[in-house]
Amino acid sequence: MTLDKIKTGNGGVITAVGGTGALRRRLLDMGLTPKTRVHVRKVAPMGDPIEISLRGYELTLRREDAGKIEVEEEVQV
């Protein structure tokens, strides 16, 4: 499953970061690395961008970029 498909309030663990070249490097530099826990905090009213929480800070990503990040979802109870 990709990060853009996770519902607000749920999260998971990053398994792979896709993309190529500068985009992939930028995602990795922002801390979106495999085995990192992420939590979807908010989604804008029109669905783009997405606010996520990871490594103790909040990050806002475009839905297109979030679609390149593979995540193993963990549903909150």
N, C-alpha and C. Protein backbone atom coordinates (compact mmCIF):
# COMPACT_ATOMS: atom_id res chain seq x y z
N MET A 1 0.85 -1.17 0.00
CA MET A 1 0.00 0.00 0.00
C MET A 1 0.90 1.24 0.00
N THR A 2 0.44 2.29 -0.64
CA THR A 2 1.24 3.52 -0.66
C THR A 2 0.71 4.52 0.37
N LEU A 3 1.55 5.46 0.73
CA LEU A 3 1.23 6.43 1.79
C LEU A 3 0.00 7.26 1.46
N ASP A 4 -0.24 7.55 0.20
CA ASP A 4 -1.40 8.37 -0.16
C ASP A 4 -2.73 7.64 0.03
N LYS A 5 -2.71 6.33 0.21
CA LYS A 5 -3.94 5.53 0.38
C LYS A 5 -4.31 5.33 1.85
N ILE A 6 -3.46 5.71 2.77
CA ILE A 6 -3.73 5.51 4.20
C ILE A 6 -4.69 6.58 4.70
N LYS A 7 -5.67 6.17 5.46
CA LYS A 7 -6.69 7.07 6.00
C LYS A 7 -6.12 7.94 7.12
N THR A 8 -6.74 9.10 7.31
CA THR A 8 -6.36 10.00 8.40
C THR A 8 -6.50 9.28 9.73
N GLY A 9 -5.49 9.43 10.58
CA GLY A 9 -5.50 8.79 11.89
C GLY A 9 -4.77 7.46 11.93
N ASN A 10 -4.50 6.89 10.77
CA ASN A 10 -3.77 5.62 10.71
C ASN A 10 -2.33 5.88 10.32
N GLY A 11 -1.53 4.86 10.42
CA GLY A 11 -0.12 5.00 10.07
C GLY A 11 0.46 3.67 9.68
N GLY A 12 1.77 3.62 9.64
CA GLY A 12 2.43 2.39 9.28
C GLY A 12 3.94 2.55 9.28
N VAL A 13 4.61 1.59 8.69
CA VAL A 13 6.06 1.59 8.60
C VAL A 13 6.45 1.60 7.13
N ILE A 14 7.34 2.51 6.76
CA ILE A 14 7.79 2.61 5.38
C ILE A 14 8.58 1.36 5.01
N THR A 15 8.25 0.77 3.88
CA THR A 15 8.97 -0.42 3.41
C THR A 15 9.88 -0.10 2.23
N ALA A 16 9.50 0.89 1.41
CA ALA A 16 10.31 1.25 0.25
C ALA A 16 9.99 2.68 -0.19
N VAL A 17 10.98 3.35 -0.74
CA VAL A 17 10.80 4.70 -1.28
C VAL A 17 11.09 4.64 -2.77
N GLY A 18 10.07 4.97 -3.56
CA GLY A 18 10.20 4.94 -5.01
C GLY A 18 10.65 6.28 -5.55
N GLY A 19 10.40 6.49 -6.82
CA GLY A 19 10.82 7.72 -7.48
C GLY A 19 12.23 7.56 -8.02
N THR A 20 12.65 8.57 -8.75
CA THR A 20 13.98 8.54 -9.32
C THR A 20 14.68 9.87 -9.14
N GLY A 21 15.99 9.83 -9.20
CA GLY A 21 16.81 11.04 -9.19
C GLY A 21 16.59 11.96 -8.00
N ALA A 22 16.38 13.23 -8.32
CA ALA A 22 16.29 14.27 -7.29
C ALA A 22 15.08 14.08 -6.38
N LEU A 23 13.97 13.59 -6.92
CA LEU A 23 12.77 13.38 -6.10
C LEU A 23 13.05 12.34 -5.02
N ARG A 24 13.61 11.21 -5.40
CA ARG A 24 13.91 10.15 -4.42
C ARG A 24 14.90 10.65 -3.37
N ARG A 25 15.91 11.36 -3.79
CA ARG A 25 16.91 11.91 -2.87
C ARG A 25 16.25 12.88 -1.88
N ARG A 26 15.33 13.72 -2.38
CA ARG A 26 14.64 14.68 -1.52
C ARG A 26 13.79 13.96 -0.48
N LEU A 27 13.06 12.92 -0.89
CA LEU A 27 12.23 12.16 0.05
C LEU A 27 13.09 11.51 1.13
N LEU A 28 14.20 10.92 0.73
CA LEU A 28 15.10 10.29 1.71
C LEU A 28 15.70 11.33 2.64
N ASP A 29 16.09 12.49 2.11
CA ASP A 29 16.66 13.56 2.94
C ASP A 29 15.67 14.10 3.96
N MET A 30 14.38 14.02 3.67
CA MET A 30 13.35 14.49 4.60
C MET A 30 13.07 13.47 5.70
N GLY A 31 13.75 12.33 5.67
CA GLY A 31 13.59 11.33 6.71
C GLY A 31 12.66 10.19 6.35
N LEU A 32 12.18 10.17 5.13
CA LEU A 32 11.28 9.11 4.68
C LEU A 32 12.11 7.92 4.21
N THR A 33 12.65 7.19 5.16
CA THR A 33 13.52 6.06 4.87
C THR A 33 12.84 4.76 5.31
N PRO A 34 13.21 3.64 4.71
CA PRO A 34 12.62 2.36 5.12
C PRO A 34 12.77 2.11 6.62
N LYS A 35 11.76 1.46 7.19
CA LYS A 35 11.66 1.11 8.61
C LYS A 35 11.31 2.30 9.50
N THR A 36 10.91 3.42 8.92
CA THR A 36 10.49 4.60 9.68
C THR A 36 8.98 4.56 9.87
N ARG A 37 8.51 4.81 11.10
CA ARG A 37 7.08 4.86 11.38
C ARG A 37 6.53 6.22 10.94
N VAL A 38 5.37 6.19 10.27
CA VAL A 38 4.70 7.41 9.85
C VAL A 38 3.24 7.34 10.30
N HIS A 39 2.65 8.51 10.52
CA HIS A 39 1.25 8.62 10.96
C HIS A 39 0.60 9.74 10.14
N VAL A 40 -0.51 9.45 9.48
CA VAL A 40 -1.22 10.46 8.70
C VAL A 40 -2.06 11.30 9.66
N ARG A 41 -1.71 12.58 9.77
CA ARG A 41 -2.40 13.48 10.70
C ARG A 41 -3.59 14.19 10.06
N LYS A 42 -3.39 14.76 8.88
CA LYS A 42 -4.46 15.52 8.23
C LYS A 42 -4.36 15.36 6.72
N VAL A 43 -5.49 15.55 6.07
CA VAL A 43 -5.54 15.62 4.62
C VAL A 43 -6.33 16.88 4.28
N ALA A 44 -5.81 17.68 3.37
CA ALA A 44 -6.48 18.92 2.98
C ALA A 44 -7.87 18.61 2.40
N PRO A 45 -8.80 19.57 2.46
CA PRO A 45 -10.16 19.33 1.98
C PRO A 45 -10.26 18.79 0.56
N MET A 46 -9.40 19.22 -0.32
CA MET A 46 -9.44 18.72 -1.70
C MET A 46 -8.56 17.48 -1.88
N GLY A 47 -7.98 16.97 -0.80
CA GLY A 47 -7.19 15.75 -0.85
C GLY A 47 -5.70 15.94 -1.06
N ASP A 48 -5.27 17.17 -1.26
CA ASP A 48 -3.85 17.43 -1.51
C ASP A 48 -3.49 18.76 -0.89
N PRO A 49 -2.53 18.88 -0.03
CA PRO A 49 -1.51 17.92 0.39
C PRO A 49 -1.94 17.07 1.59
N ILE A 50 -1.02 16.22 2.02
CA ILE A 50 -1.20 15.32 3.16
C ILE A 50 -0.19 15.70 4.22
N GLU A 51 -0.65 15.81 5.49
CA GLU A 51 0.28 16.09 6.59
C GLU A 51 0.55 14.79 7.33
N ILE A 52 1.83 14.45 7.47
CA ILE A 52 2.20 13.24 8.18
C ILE A 52 3.13 13.59 9.34
N SER A 53 3.20 12.69 10.29
CA SER A 53 4.09 12.85 11.44
C SER A 53 5.09 11.70 11.40
N LEU A 54 6.37 12.05 11.55
CA LEU A 54 7.42 11.04 11.59
C LEU A 54 8.62 11.60 12.32
N ARG A 55 9.34 10.75 13.00
CA ARG A 55 10.59 11.12 13.68
C ARG A 55 10.45 12.37 14.56
N GLY A 56 9.26 12.60 15.12
CA GLY A 56 9.07 13.72 16.03
C GLY A 56 8.77 15.06 15.37
N TYR A 57 8.46 15.07 14.09
CA TYR A 57 8.09 16.32 13.43
C TYR A 57 6.99 16.07 12.41
N GLU A 58 6.35 17.16 11.96
CA GLU A 58 5.29 17.07 10.96
C GLU A 58 5.85 17.45 9.60
N LEU A 59 5.36 16.79 8.58
CA LEU A 59 5.82 17.01 7.21
C LEU A 59 4.60 17.02 6.30
N THR A 60 4.57 17.93 5.36
CA THR A 60 3.48 18.01 4.39
C THR A 60 4.00 17.58 3.03
N LEU A 61 3.29 16.64 2.41
CA LEU A 61 3.68 16.09 1.11
C LEU A 61 2.54 16.22 0.11
N ARG A 62 2.89 16.39 -1.15
CA ARG A 62 1.88 16.32 -2.20
C ARG A 62 1.44 14.87 -2.33
N ARG A 63 0.20 14.68 -2.69
CA ARG A 63 -0.35 13.33 -2.84
C ARG A 63 0.46 12.53 -3.87
N GLU A 64 0.89 13.17 -4.92
CA GLU A 64 1.69 12.51 -5.96
C GLU A 64 2.99 11.94 -5.39
N ASP A 65 3.66 12.72 -4.53
CA ASP A 65 4.91 12.25 -3.91
C ASP A 65 4.63 11.15 -2.89
N ALA A 66 3.54 11.28 -2.13
CA ALA A 66 3.19 10.26 -1.14
C ALA A 66 2.89 8.92 -1.82
N GLY A 67 2.44 8.96 -3.06
CA GLY A 67 2.14 7.75 -3.81
C GLY A 67 3.37 6.94 -4.18
N LYS A 68 4.54 7.52 -4.02
CA LYS A 68 5.79 6.82 -4.33
C LYS A 68 6.40 6.12 -3.11
N ILE A 69 5.74 6.23 -1.96
CA ILE A 69 6.25 5.67 -0.72
C ILE A 69 5.41 4.45 -0.32
N GLU A 70 6.03 3.29 -0.31
CA GLU A 70 5.35 2.05 0.07
C GLU A 70 5.34 1.94 1.59
N VAL A 71 4.17 1.59 2.13
CA VAL A 71 3.99 1.52 3.59
C VAL A 71 3.24 0.24 3.95
N GLU A 72 3.67 -0.37 5.05
CA GLU A 72 2.94 -1.49 5.62
C GLU A 72 2.03 -0.88 6.69
N GLU A 73 0.73 -0.86 6.42
CA GLU A 73 -0.22 -0.14 7.27
C GLU A 73 -0.43 -0.82 8.62
N GLU A 74 -0.56 -0.01 9.67
CA GLU A 74 -0.92 -0.44 11.01
C GLU A 74 -2.16 0.34 11.40
N VAL A 75 -3.28 -0.32 11.51
CA VAL A 75 -4.55 0.33 11.80
C VAL A 75 -4.64 0.63 13.30
N GLN A 76 -5.04 1.87 13.62
CA GLN A 76 -5.20 2.27 15.02
C GLN A 76 -6.53 1.72 15.55
N VAL A 77 -6.53 1.24 16.78
CA VAL A 77 -7.73 0.67 17.38
C VAL A 77 -8.38 1.69 18.27
